[in-house]
């Protein structure tokens, strides 16, 4: 055994029952709803308010984009390290500190007086959001009884979908009566409520006695930071040499990261979990689904506004049926995943998404409103029907002591998939401005179709990782 290899990780046992009961269950679910809802709202709210923020701070549109980029970069580079800390220190502790940092940094955003101070506050806010997102799925595993895990992840997916859907409307409503600072200030009282509820209700979870691997954290930050930055540069048409150098750096650091993880018993990048076919295939389907979603959500506004000549308000209304139907279907698919194989449910969901995207791609230049709406509803139904069963498959295929790594992969797959989809939209527009949206939607249908095939292939995967907690 090499110097870097370790014995099986020692676990500090914390007495737990199979999920929570009664009022404590409701309090625990409540804190997740508030905090996950805030962190999901935050990106779409900031996107909507960028022009207003840029004008008020006398910043150029290009510079103001860092209000969004700073948050996303801080989030993506810290997700897996923070998830690893959750396994060492306990998911409850990381979540509580995440809520506290997110809330305080939101108030710092509200009090910012320049683009620089706002960007720094957004970086800190991204780290706080990482504390919430990296372990919230892992906490669901300990909050809900094992026979209701699908219901729990389904409800969580619904919260994310609804929060995403109402983000632009919330931003527009606040900006109509107050300054942009209030977009961040509203997180203050909500965060305080979530913090108190978390202290009151969240369960203690088993903890590893191993040490935090700072070298792996640095390699992870370099890998995913350069990857997301490179994908963003490609999406914005940066110099090819610069983009290639950044992505090449991401590959180089990624290779070093993987080599290091192979010698560890509880790796930060969970290569140990990728040896489990169900986990690996479920993670791949998650990436495919979010790449398809990214391709659609970036290209559709251009199709509606540039191709069809619709206003921004009309565009927002036409985009709404997708997340609304996702919010409706997620809590339906969640309980079904407690009874039927996620491979089948997820395959049906992504096949439906594939059909919906293909139907939108061939709409043409003069579609009716109803024709657009029902196709968007098909996409939302498919996406919602896939997400809950797939989340359940990812979490149940990992042993309880590795729930943090699995939860981190859930969030990382979403961010990388969405960033990849956005970059591919830029590629499609480079091929043809006139047909760019249709090409992007067709490519989204391809990703959804490929994900559906991968999902069904899980029927042949051996369920190595299905481990239930003792009651």
Protein backbone atom coordinates (compact mmCIF):
# COMPACT_ATOMS: atom_id res chain seq x y z
CA UNK A 1 0.00 0.00 0.00
CA UNK A 2 1.40 3.42 -0.97
CA UNK A 3 1.93 6.31 1.42
CA UNK A 4 -1.15 8.05 0.07
CA UNK A 5 -3.39 5.04 0.46
CA UNK A 6 -5.43 4.74 3.60
CA UNK A 7 -7.27 2.10 5.47
CA UNK A 8 -11.03 2.03 5.23
CA UNK A 9 -12.32 5.31 6.64
CA UNK A 10 -13.18 5.24 10.32
CA UNK A 11 -16.70 6.39 11.05
CA UNK A 12 -17.91 8.18 14.15
CA UNK A 13 -21.29 6.61 14.81
CA UNK A 14 -24.13 8.99 15.60
CA UNK A 15 -27.33 7.26 16.70
CA UNK A 16 -30.02 7.86 14.09
CA UNK A 17 -33.42 6.45 13.35
CA UNK A 18 -34.68 5.70 9.87
CA UNK A 19 -35.69 9.29 9.15
CA UNK A 20 -37.51 11.84 11.29
CA UNK A 21 -41.10 11.82 12.46
CA UNK A 22 -43.82 14.29 13.32
CA UNK A 23 -43.16 17.97 13.88
CA UNK A 24 -39.38 17.59 13.62
CA UNK A 25 -39.75 16.18 10.09
CA UNK A 26 -41.83 19.21 9.10
CA UNK A 27 -39.29 21.64 10.60
CA UNK A 28 -36.41 19.87 8.82
CA UNK A 29 -38.20 19.91 5.47
CA UNK A 30 -39.08 23.56 6.05
CA UNK A 31 -35.49 24.69 6.45
CA UNK A 32 -34.51 22.85 3.26
CA UNK A 33 -37.38 24.47 1.36
CA UNK A 34 -36.36 27.98 2.43
CA UNK A 35 -32.60 27.65 1.93
CA UNK A 36 -32.70 25.63 -1.29
CA UNK A 37 -35.37 27.97 -2.61
CA UNK A 38 -33.23 31.04 -1.82
CA UNK A 39 -30.11 29.62 -3.47
CA UNK A 40 -32.10 28.53 -6.55
CA UNK A 41 -33.81 31.91 -6.85
CA UNK A 42 -30.57 33.83 -6.52
CA UNK A 43 -29.04 33.10 -9.92
CA UNK A 44 -32.16 33.89 -11.94
CA UNK A 45 -32.84 37.00 -9.88
CA UNK A 46 -29.32 38.30 -10.49
CA UNK A 47 -29.58 37.56 -14.23
CA UNK A 48 -32.81 39.51 -14.50
CA UNK A 49 -31.44 42.50 -12.57
CA UNK A 50 -28.07 42.77 -14.36
CA UNK A 51 -28.99 45.76 -16.57
CA UNK A 52 -30.36 47.65 -13.55
CA UNK A 53 -27.30 46.83 -11.43
CA UNK A 54 -24.91 47.85 -14.23
CA UNK A 55 -26.64 51.21 -14.71
CA UNK A 56 -26.73 52.00 -11.00
CA UNK A 57 -23.06 51.10 -10.42
CA UNK A 58 -21.88 52.76 -13.66
CA UNK A 59 -20.51 49.44 -14.92
CA UNK A 60 -20.38 48.16 -18.49
CA UNK A 61 -22.65 45.25 -19.43
CA UNK A 62 -19.60 43.03 -19.98
CA UNK A 63 -18.18 43.85 -16.54
CA UNK A 64 -21.53 43.38 -14.81
CA UNK A 65 -21.64 39.76 -15.96
CA UNK A 66 -19.15 39.07 -13.14
CA UNK A 67 -22.05 39.52 -10.71
CA UNK A 68 -23.29 36.17 -12.05
CA UNK A 69 -19.94 34.57 -12.94
CA UNK A 70 -18.37 35.19 -9.52
CA UNK A 71 -21.23 33.37 -7.79
CA UNK A 72 -21.14 30.42 -10.19
CA UNK A 73 -17.36 30.00 -10.07
CA UNK A 74 -17.26 30.11 -6.27
CA UNK A 75 -20.06 27.56 -6.19
CA UNK A 76 -18.57 25.09 -8.64
CA UNK A 77 -15.01 25.12 -7.23
CA UNK A 78 -16.21 24.51 -3.68
CA UNK A 79 -19.06 21.99 -4.08
CA UNK A 80 -17.02 18.79 -3.76
CA UNK A 81 -14.60 20.08 -1.07
CA UNK A 82 -17.53 21.28 1.04
CA UNK A 83 -19.35 17.97 0.47
CA UNK A 84 -16.18 16.22 1.72
CA UNK A 85 -16.20 18.43 4.80
CA UNK A 86 -19.80 17.36 5.33
CA UNK A 87 -18.72 13.72 5.55
CA UNK A 88 -16.01 14.67 8.09
CA UNK A 89 -17.83 17.26 10.21
CA UNK A 90 -21.45 16.21 9.63
CA UNK A 91 -23.94 17.41 7.04
CA UNK A 92 -25.97 19.33 9.61
CA UNK A 93 -23.02 21.48 10.66
CA UNK A 94 -22.01 22.30 7.06
CA UNK A 95 -25.60 23.15 6.14
CA UNK A 96 -26.04 25.45 9.15
CA UNK A 97 -22.82 27.31 8.40
CA UNK A 98 -23.78 27.48 4.71
CA UNK A 99 -27.08 29.14 5.56
CA UNK A 100 -25.31 31.59 7.89
CA UNK A 101 -22.66 32.56 5.30
CA UNK A 102 -25.25 32.84 2.52
CA UNK A 103 -27.47 35.08 4.64
CA UNK A 104 -24.71 37.41 5.86
CA UNK A 105 -23.16 37.70 2.39
CA UNK A 106 -26.61 38.49 0.94
CA UNK A 107 -26.77 41.47 3.30
CA UNK A 108 -23.24 42.41 2.17
CA UNK A 109 -24.48 42.31 -1.44
CA UNK A 110 -27.34 44.63 -0.50
CA UNK A 111 -24.90 47.11 1.08
CA UNK A 112 -22.38 47.03 -1.82
CA UNK A 113 -21.46 50.42 -3.25
CA UNK A 114 -19.44 49.35 -6.31
CA UNK A 115 -19.13 46.50 -8.78
CA UNK A 116 -15.95 45.31 -7.02
CA UNK A 117 -17.55 45.10 -3.58
CA UNK A 118 -20.65 43.41 -5.02
CA UNK A 119 -18.47 40.87 -6.86
CA UNK A 120 -16.54 40.01 -3.69
CA UNK A 121 -19.80 39.64 -1.74
CA UNK A 122 -21.16 37.39 -4.49
CA UNK A 123 -18.07 35.17 -4.23
CA UNK A 124 -18.70 34.72 -0.51
CA UNK A 125 -22.37 34.15 -1.23
CA UNK A 126 -21.40 31.40 -3.70
CA UNK A 127 -19.42 29.65 -0.95
CA UNK A 128 -22.45 29.89 1.32
CA UNK A 129 -24.69 28.45 -1.40
CA UNK A 130 -22.17 25.63 -1.76
CA UNK A 131 -22.68 24.77 1.91
CA UNK A 132 -26.40 24.44 1.22
CA UNK A 133 -26.38 22.70 -2.16
CA UNK A 134 -23.51 20.29 -1.51
CA UNK A 135 -25.24 18.51 1.37
CA UNK A 136 -28.98 19.18 1.00
CA UNK A 137 -29.57 15.97 -0.97
CA UNK A 138 -27.49 14.01 1.54
CA UNK A 139 -29.62 15.42 4.38
CA UNK A 140 -32.79 14.28 2.63
CA UNK A 141 -31.52 10.74 3.02
CA UNK A 142 -31.46 11.17 6.81
CA UNK A 143 -34.61 13.29 7.11
CA UNK A 144 -37.02 11.01 5.25
CA UNK A 145 -37.58 7.34 6.08
CA UNK A 146 -35.91 5.05 3.53
CA UNK A 147 -39.26 3.93 2.09
CA UNK A 148 -40.12 7.60 1.37
CA UNK A 149 -36.77 8.71 -0.07
CA UNK A 150 -38.25 9.12 -3.54
CA UNK A 151 -40.98 11.36 -2.13
CA UNK A 152 -38.32 13.47 -0.45
CA UNK A 153 -36.13 14.00 -3.50
CA UNK A 154 -39.24 14.61 -5.58
CA UNK A 155 -40.38 17.38 -3.28
CA UNK A 156 -36.86 18.87 -3.30
CA UNK A 157 -36.83 18.84 -7.12
CA UNK A 158 -40.20 20.60 -7.11
CA UNK A 159 -38.83 23.37 -4.84
CA UNK A 160 -35.88 23.92 -7.18
CA UNK A 161 -38.14 23.99 -10.25
CA UNK A 162 -40.70 26.38 -8.77
CA UNK A 163 -37.98 28.69 -7.40
CA UNK A 164 -36.33 28.80 -10.82
CA UNK A 165 -39.68 29.49 -12.50
CA UNK A 166 -40.67 32.41 -10.31
CA UNK A 167 -37.19 34.01 -10.19
CA UNK A 168 -37.71 36.51 -13.03
CA UNK A 169 -41.20 37.39 -11.76
CA UNK A 170 -39.93 37.95 -8.23
CA UNK A 171 -37.11 40.14 -9.54
CA UNK A 172 -39.49 42.16 -11.70
CA UNK A 173 -41.90 42.61 -8.79
CA UNK A 174 -39.21 43.80 -6.38
CA UNK A 175 -37.62 46.13 -8.94
CA UNK A 176 -41.00 47.69 -9.68
CA UNK A 177 -41.28 48.95 -6.10
CA UNK A 178 -37.71 49.04 -4.74
CA UNK A 179 -34.04 49.24 -5.69
CA UNK A 180 -31.94 46.24 -6.76
CA UNK A 181 -30.37 46.04 -3.28
CA UNK A 182 -33.64 44.59 -1.98
CA UNK A 183 -33.20 41.58 -4.25
CA UNK A 184 -30.46 40.47 -1.85
CA UNK A 185 -31.79 42.05 1.35
CA UNK A 186 -34.90 39.84 1.35
CA UNK A 187 -32.62 36.87 2.02
CA UNK A 188 -31.86 38.31 5.48
CA UNK A 189 -35.08 37.41 7.33
CA UNK A 190 -35.59 34.24 5.29
CA UNK A 191 -32.06 33.07 6.02
CA UNK A 192 -32.47 33.78 9.74
CA UNK A 193 -35.66 31.68 9.82
CA UNK A 194 -33.92 28.84 7.95
CA UNK A 195 -30.95 29.04 10.33
CA UNK A 196 -33.13 28.75 13.44
CA UNK A 197 -35.17 25.91 11.94
CA UNK A 198 -31.98 24.04 10.98
CA UNK A 199 -30.60 24.26 14.53
CA UNK A 200 -33.93 23.02 15.88
CA UNK A 201 -34.70 20.13 13.56
CA UNK A 202 -31.87 18.79 11.39
CA UNK A 203 -30.50 15.40 12.50
CA UNK A 204 -26.91 14.61 13.35
CA UNK A 205 -25.35 12.24 10.83
CA UNK A 206 -22.43 9.76 10.89
CA UNK A 207 -19.01 11.38 10.45
CA UNK A 208 -15.68 10.16 9.11
CA UNK A 209 -12.63 10.48 11.34
CA UNK A 210 -10.26 11.05 8.39
CA UNK A 211 -8.64 14.42 7.68
CA UNK A 212 -9.61 16.99 5.05
CA UNK A 213 -7.43 16.68 1.93
CA UNK A 214 -6.33 20.24 1.11
CA UNK A 215 -4.29 19.13 -1.93
CA UNK A 216 -7.33 17.47 -3.50
CA UNK A 217 -9.39 20.59 -2.77
CA UNK A 218 -6.83 22.77 -4.60
CA UNK A 219 -6.72 20.41 -7.60
CA UNK A 220 -10.53 20.26 -7.64
CA UNK A 221 -10.79 24.06 -7.60
CA UNK A 222 -8.30 24.36 -10.46
CA UNK A 223 -10.00 21.63 -12.50
CA UNK A 224 -13.61 22.76 -12.23
CA UNK A 225 -12.81 26.48 -12.10
CA UNK A 226 -10.86 26.31 -15.36
CA UNK A 227 -13.47 23.99 -16.89
CA UNK A 228 -16.42 26.31 -16.19
CA UNK A 229 -14.38 29.40 -17.11
CA UNK A 230 -13.24 27.77 -20.38
CA UNK A 231 -16.76 26.70 -21.27
CA UNK A 232 -17.95 30.25 -20.58
CA UNK A 233 -15.18 31.71 -22.73
CA UNK A 234 -16.14 29.39 -25.58
CA UNK A 235 -19.78 30.43 -25.21
CA UNK A 236 -18.82 34.11 -25.51
CA UNK A 237 -16.60 33.63 -28.57
CA UNK A 238 -13.21 34.21 -26.94
CA UNK A 239 -9.94 33.62 -28.80
CA UNK A 240 -9.65 29.94 -29.66
CA UNK A 241 -6.09 29.76 -28.40
CA UNK A 242 -7.08 31.19 -25.02
CA UNK A 243 -10.06 28.85 -24.75
CA UNK A 244 -7.94 25.86 -25.71
CA UNK A 245 -5.28 26.80 -23.15
CA UNK A 246 -7.86 27.13 -20.36
CA UNK A 247 -9.59 23.85 -21.21
CA UNK A 248 -6.19 22.16 -21.59
CA UNK A 249 -5.28 23.36 -18.11
CA UNK A 250 -8.55 21.93 -16.79
CA UNK A 251 -7.71 18.55 -18.35
CA UNK A 252 -4.17 18.60 -16.91
CA UNK A 253 -5.31 19.43 -13.38
CA UNK A 254 -8.18 16.97 -13.76
CA UNK A 255 -5.74 14.19 -14.60
CA UNK A 256 -3.70 14.98 -11.49
CA UNK A 257 -6.87 15.12 -9.41
CA UNK A 258 -8.05 11.69 -10.58
CA UNK A 259 -4.62 10.12 -10.02
CA UNK A 260 -4.62 11.43 -6.46
CA UNK A 261 -8.16 10.24 -5.77
CA UNK A 262 -7.39 6.69 -6.86
CA UNK A 263 -5.09 6.30 -3.86
CA UNK A 264 -7.63 7.51 -1.28
CA UNK A 265 -10.28 5.52 0.58
CA UNK A 266 -12.76 8.41 0.77
CA UNK A 267 -11.84 10.59 -2.24
CA UNK A 268 -13.13 14.13 -2.63
CA UNK A 269 -13.94 13.45 -6.28
CA UNK A 270 -15.90 10.24 -5.64
CA UNK A 271 -14.10 7.92 -8.06
CA UNK A 272 -14.92 5.10 -5.64
CA UNK A 273 -18.61 5.64 -6.31
CA UNK A 274 -18.06 5.66 -10.08
CA UNK A 275 -17.03 2.02 -9.76
CA UNK A 276 -20.68 1.34 -9.02
CA UNK A 277 -22.48 1.02 -12.39
CA UNK A 278 -25.76 2.44 -11.08
CA UNK A 279 -24.08 5.57 -9.71
CA UNK A 280 -21.93 6.12 -12.83
CA UNK A 281 -24.85 5.69 -15.24
CA UNK A 282 -27.18 7.85 -13.12
CA UNK A 283 -24.58 10.64 -13.01
CA UNK A 284 -24.21 10.45 -16.79
CA UNK A 285 -27.96 10.71 -17.33
CA UNK A 286 -28.02 13.74 -14.99
CA UNK A 287 -25.35 15.46 -17.09
CA UNK A 288 -27.27 14.69 -20.30
CA UNK A 289 -30.52 16.06 -18.89
CA UNK A 290 -28.99 19.35 -17.72
CA UNK A 291 -27.04 19.77 -20.97
CA UNK A 292 -30.36 19.41 -22.82
CA UNK A 293 -31.98 21.91 -20.44
CA UNK A 294 -29.08 24.36 -20.92
CA UNK A 295 -29.31 24.10 -24.70
CA UNK A 296 -33.04 24.81 -24.55
CA UNK A 297 -33.12 27.61 -21.98
CA UNK A 298 -30.30 29.57 -23.64
CA UNK A 299 -31.53 29.17 -27.23
CA UNK A 300 -35.29 29.57 -26.73
CA UNK A 301 -35.19 33.29 -25.77
CA UNK A 302 -33.34 34.00 -29.02
CA UNK A 303 -35.89 31.94 -30.96
CA UNK A 304 -38.84 33.72 -29.36
CA UNK A 305 -37.48 37.27 -29.50
CA UNK A 306 -35.28 37.29 -32.60
CA UNK A 307 -37.01 34.64 -34.67
CA UNK A 308 -40.64 35.32 -33.74
CA UNK A 309 -40.34 38.99 -32.76
CA UNK A 310 -41.88 38.55 -29.30
CA UNK A 311 -41.26 40.84 -26.34
CA UNK A 312 -39.25 39.92 -23.26
CA UNK A 313 -42.47 39.62 -21.23
CA UNK A 314 -44.02 37.29 -23.80
CA UNK A 315 -40.83 35.26 -23.87
CA UNK A 316 -40.89 34.87 -20.08
CA UNK A 317 -44.49 33.71 -20.17
CA UNK A 318 -43.77 31.16 -22.91
CA UNK A 319 -40.80 29.76 -20.97
CA UNK A 320 -42.87 29.34 -17.80
CA UNK A 321 -44.82 26.13 -18.72
CA UNK A 322 -41.58 24.09 -18.64
CA UNK A 323 -40.60 24.72 -14.98
CA UNK A 324 -44.24 24.76 -13.88
CA UNK A 325 -44.82 21.27 -15.30
CA UNK A 326 -41.51 20.15 -13.82
CA UNK A 327 -42.75 21.34 -10.44
CA UNK A 328 -46.00 19.41 -10.92
CA UNK A 329 -44.41 16.17 -12.13
CA UNK A 330 -41.47 15.97 -9.70
CA UNK A 331 -43.57 15.17 -6.59
CA UNK A 332 -45.56 12.66 -8.64
CA UNK A 333 -42.50 10.85 -9.96
CA UNK A 334 -40.82 10.85 -6.53
CA UNK A 335 -43.22 8.42 -4.81
CA UNK A 336 -43.34 6.30 -7.97
CA UNK A 337 -39.57 5.84 -7.71
CA UNK A 338 -40.13 4.19 -4.32
CA UNK A 339 -42.13 1.48 -6.11
CA UNK A 340 -40.74 1.21 -9.66
CA UNK A 341 -37.18 1.08 -11.06
CA UNK A 342 -35.71 4.58 -11.59
CA UNK A 343 -34.14 3.23 -14.79
CA UNK A 344 -37.59 2.88 -16.37
CA UNK A 345 -39.07 6.09 -14.96
CA UNK A 346 -35.99 8.13 -15.90
CA UNK A 347 -35.85 6.60 -19.37
CA UNK A 348 -39.48 7.49 -20.01
CA UNK A 349 -38.91 11.02 -18.72
CA UNK A 350 -35.90 11.73 -20.94
CA UNK A 351 -37.59 10.13 -23.95
CA UNK A 352 -40.51 12.52 -23.38
CA UNK A 353 -38.08 15.46 -23.11
CA UNK A 354 -36.43 14.33 -26.34
CA UNK A 355 -39.77 14.32 -28.16
CA UNK A 356 -40.72 17.73 -26.77
CA UNK A 357 -37.44 19.36 -27.81
CA UNK A 358 -37.63 17.80 -31.27
CA UNK A 359 -41.18 19.14 -31.70
CA UNK A 360 -40.07 22.65 -30.75
CA UNK A 361 -37.04 22.44 -33.06
CA UNK A 362 -39.31 21.89 -36.10
CA UNK A 363 -41.93 24.53 -35.19
CA UNK A 364 -41.03 26.87 -38.02
CA UNK A 365 -41.42 30.63 -38.31
CA UNK A 366 -45.14 31.14 -37.57
CA UNK A 367 -46.28 28.93 -34.70
CA UNK A 368 -49.33 29.68 -32.63
CA UNK A 369 -49.12 30.36 -28.90
CA UNK A 370 -50.95 27.15 -28.02
CA UNK A 371 -48.57 25.16 -30.22
CA UNK A 372 -45.58 26.53 -28.30
CA UNK A 373 -47.17 26.14 -24.86
CA UNK A 374 -48.15 22.49 -25.14
CA UNK A 375 -44.71 21.56 -26.50
CA UNK A 376 -43.07 23.36 -23.56
CA UNK A 377 -45.40 21.45 -21.25
CA UNK A 378 -44.25 18.16 -22.79
CA UNK A 379 -40.62 19.15 -22.12
CA UNK A 380 -41.42 20.11 -18.53
CA UNK A 381 -43.31 16.87 -17.91
CA UNK A 382 -40.41 14.80 -19.22
CA UNK A 383 -37.78 16.74 -17.29
CA UNK A 384 -39.77 16.54 -14.03
CA UNK A 385 -40.56 12.85 -14.47
CA UNK A 386 -36.83 12.13 -14.87
CA UNK A 387 -35.28 14.23 -12.09
CA UNK A 388 -36.80 12.70 -8.95
CA UNK A 389 -36.19 9.02 -9.83
CA UNK A 390 -32.67 9.84 -11.00
CA UNK A 391 -31.83 11.69 -7.78
CA UNK A 392 -33.11 8.71 -5.82
CA UNK A 393 -30.98 6.35 -7.91
CA UNK A 394 -27.83 8.41 -7.31
CA UNK A 395 -28.34 8.68 -3.56
CA UNK A 396 -29.45 5.08 -2.97
CA UNK A 397 -26.55 3.68 -5.01
CA UNK A 398 -24.06 5.26 -2.61
CA UNK A 399 -23.51 3.94 0.93
CA UNK A 400 -24.77 6.26 3.69
CA UNK A 401 -21.27 7.31 4.74
CA UNK A 402 -20.60 8.56 1.19
CA UNK A 403 -23.82 10.57 0.88
CA UNK A 404 -21.82 13.80 0.90
CA UNK A 405 -19.82 12.82 -2.19
CA UNK A 406 -22.98 11.69 -3.96
CA UNK A 407 -24.79 14.93 -3.07
CA UNK A 408 -21.84 16.96 -4.37
CA UNK A 409 -21.93 15.08 -7.67
CA UNK A 410 -25.64 15.87 -8.04
CA UNK A 411 -24.95 19.61 -7.89
CA UNK A 412 -21.75 19.40 -9.96
CA UNK A 413 -23.49 17.44 -12.74
CA UNK A 414 -26.15 20.15 -12.90
CA UNK A 415 -23.69 23.04 -13.15
CA UNK A 416 -21.35 21.38 -15.66
CA UNK A 417 -24.26 20.15 -17.78
CA UNK A 418 -25.88 23.58 -17.93
CA UNK A 419 -22.54 25.25 -18.75
CA UNK A 420 -21.89 22.72 -21.53
CA UNK A 421 -25.34 23.34 -22.98
CA UNK A 422 -24.74 27.10 -23.01
CA UNK A 423 -21.41 26.67 -24.80
CA UNK A 424 -22.98 24.40 -27.41
CA UNK A 425 -25.63 27.06 -28.12
CA UNK A 426 -22.82 29.46 -29.02
CA UNK A 427 -21.36 26.79 -31.31
CA UNK A 428 -24.73 26.32 -33.04
CA UNK A 429 -25.12 30.08 -33.52
CA UNK A 430 -21.63 30.17 -35.02
CA UNK A 431 -22.70 27.64 -37.62
CA UNK A 432 -25.86 29.56 -38.54
CA UNK A 433 -27.47 32.60 -36.94
CA UNK A 434 -30.75 31.94 -38.75
CA UNK A 435 -31.03 28.28 -37.79
CA UNK A 436 -28.96 28.39 -34.59
CA UNK A 437 -31.91 27.96 -32.18
CA UNK A 438 -33.28 25.02 -34.16
CA UNK A 439 -29.84 23.38 -34.26
CA UNK A 440 -29.41 23.89 -30.52
CA UNK A 441 -32.85 22.44 -29.77
CA UNK A 442 -32.10 19.49 -32.04
CA UNK A 443 -28.83 18.93 -30.19
CA UNK A 444 -30.76 19.16 -26.91
CA UNK A 445 -33.10 16.44 -28.19
CA UNK A 446 -30.02 14.34 -28.99
CA UNK A 447 -28.68 14.70 -25.43
CA UNK A 448 -32.09 13.81 -23.98
CA UNK A 449 -32.39 10.79 -26.27
CA UNK A 450 -28.89 9.60 -25.41
CA UNK A 451 -29.67 10.06 -21.71
CA UNK A 452 -32.83 8.00 -22.12
CA UNK A 453 -30.86 5.12 -23.61
CA UNK A 454 -28.32 5.32 -20.77
CA UNK A 455 -31.15 5.38 -18.25
CA UNK A 456 -32.76 2.22 -19.61
CA UNK A 457 -29.33 0.55 -19.62
CA UNK A 458 -29.37 0.79 -15.83
CA UNK A 459 -31.79 -2.15 -15.83
CA UNK A 460 -28.78 -4.36 -16.54
CA UNK A 461 -26.57 -2.68 -13.91
CA UNK A 462 -25.89 -4.61 -10.74
CA UNK A 463 -27.23 -2.64 -7.73
CA UNK A 464 -23.91 -2.71 -5.83
CA UNK A 465 -24.52 0.42 -3.93
CA UNK A 466 -28.00 -0.01 -2.52
CA UNK A 467 -27.46 0.19 1.19
CA UNK A 468 -30.19 0.95 3.72
CA UNK A 469 -29.64 2.37 7.18
CA UNK A 470 -30.58 0.25 10.07
CA UNK A 471 -33.69 1.43 11.81
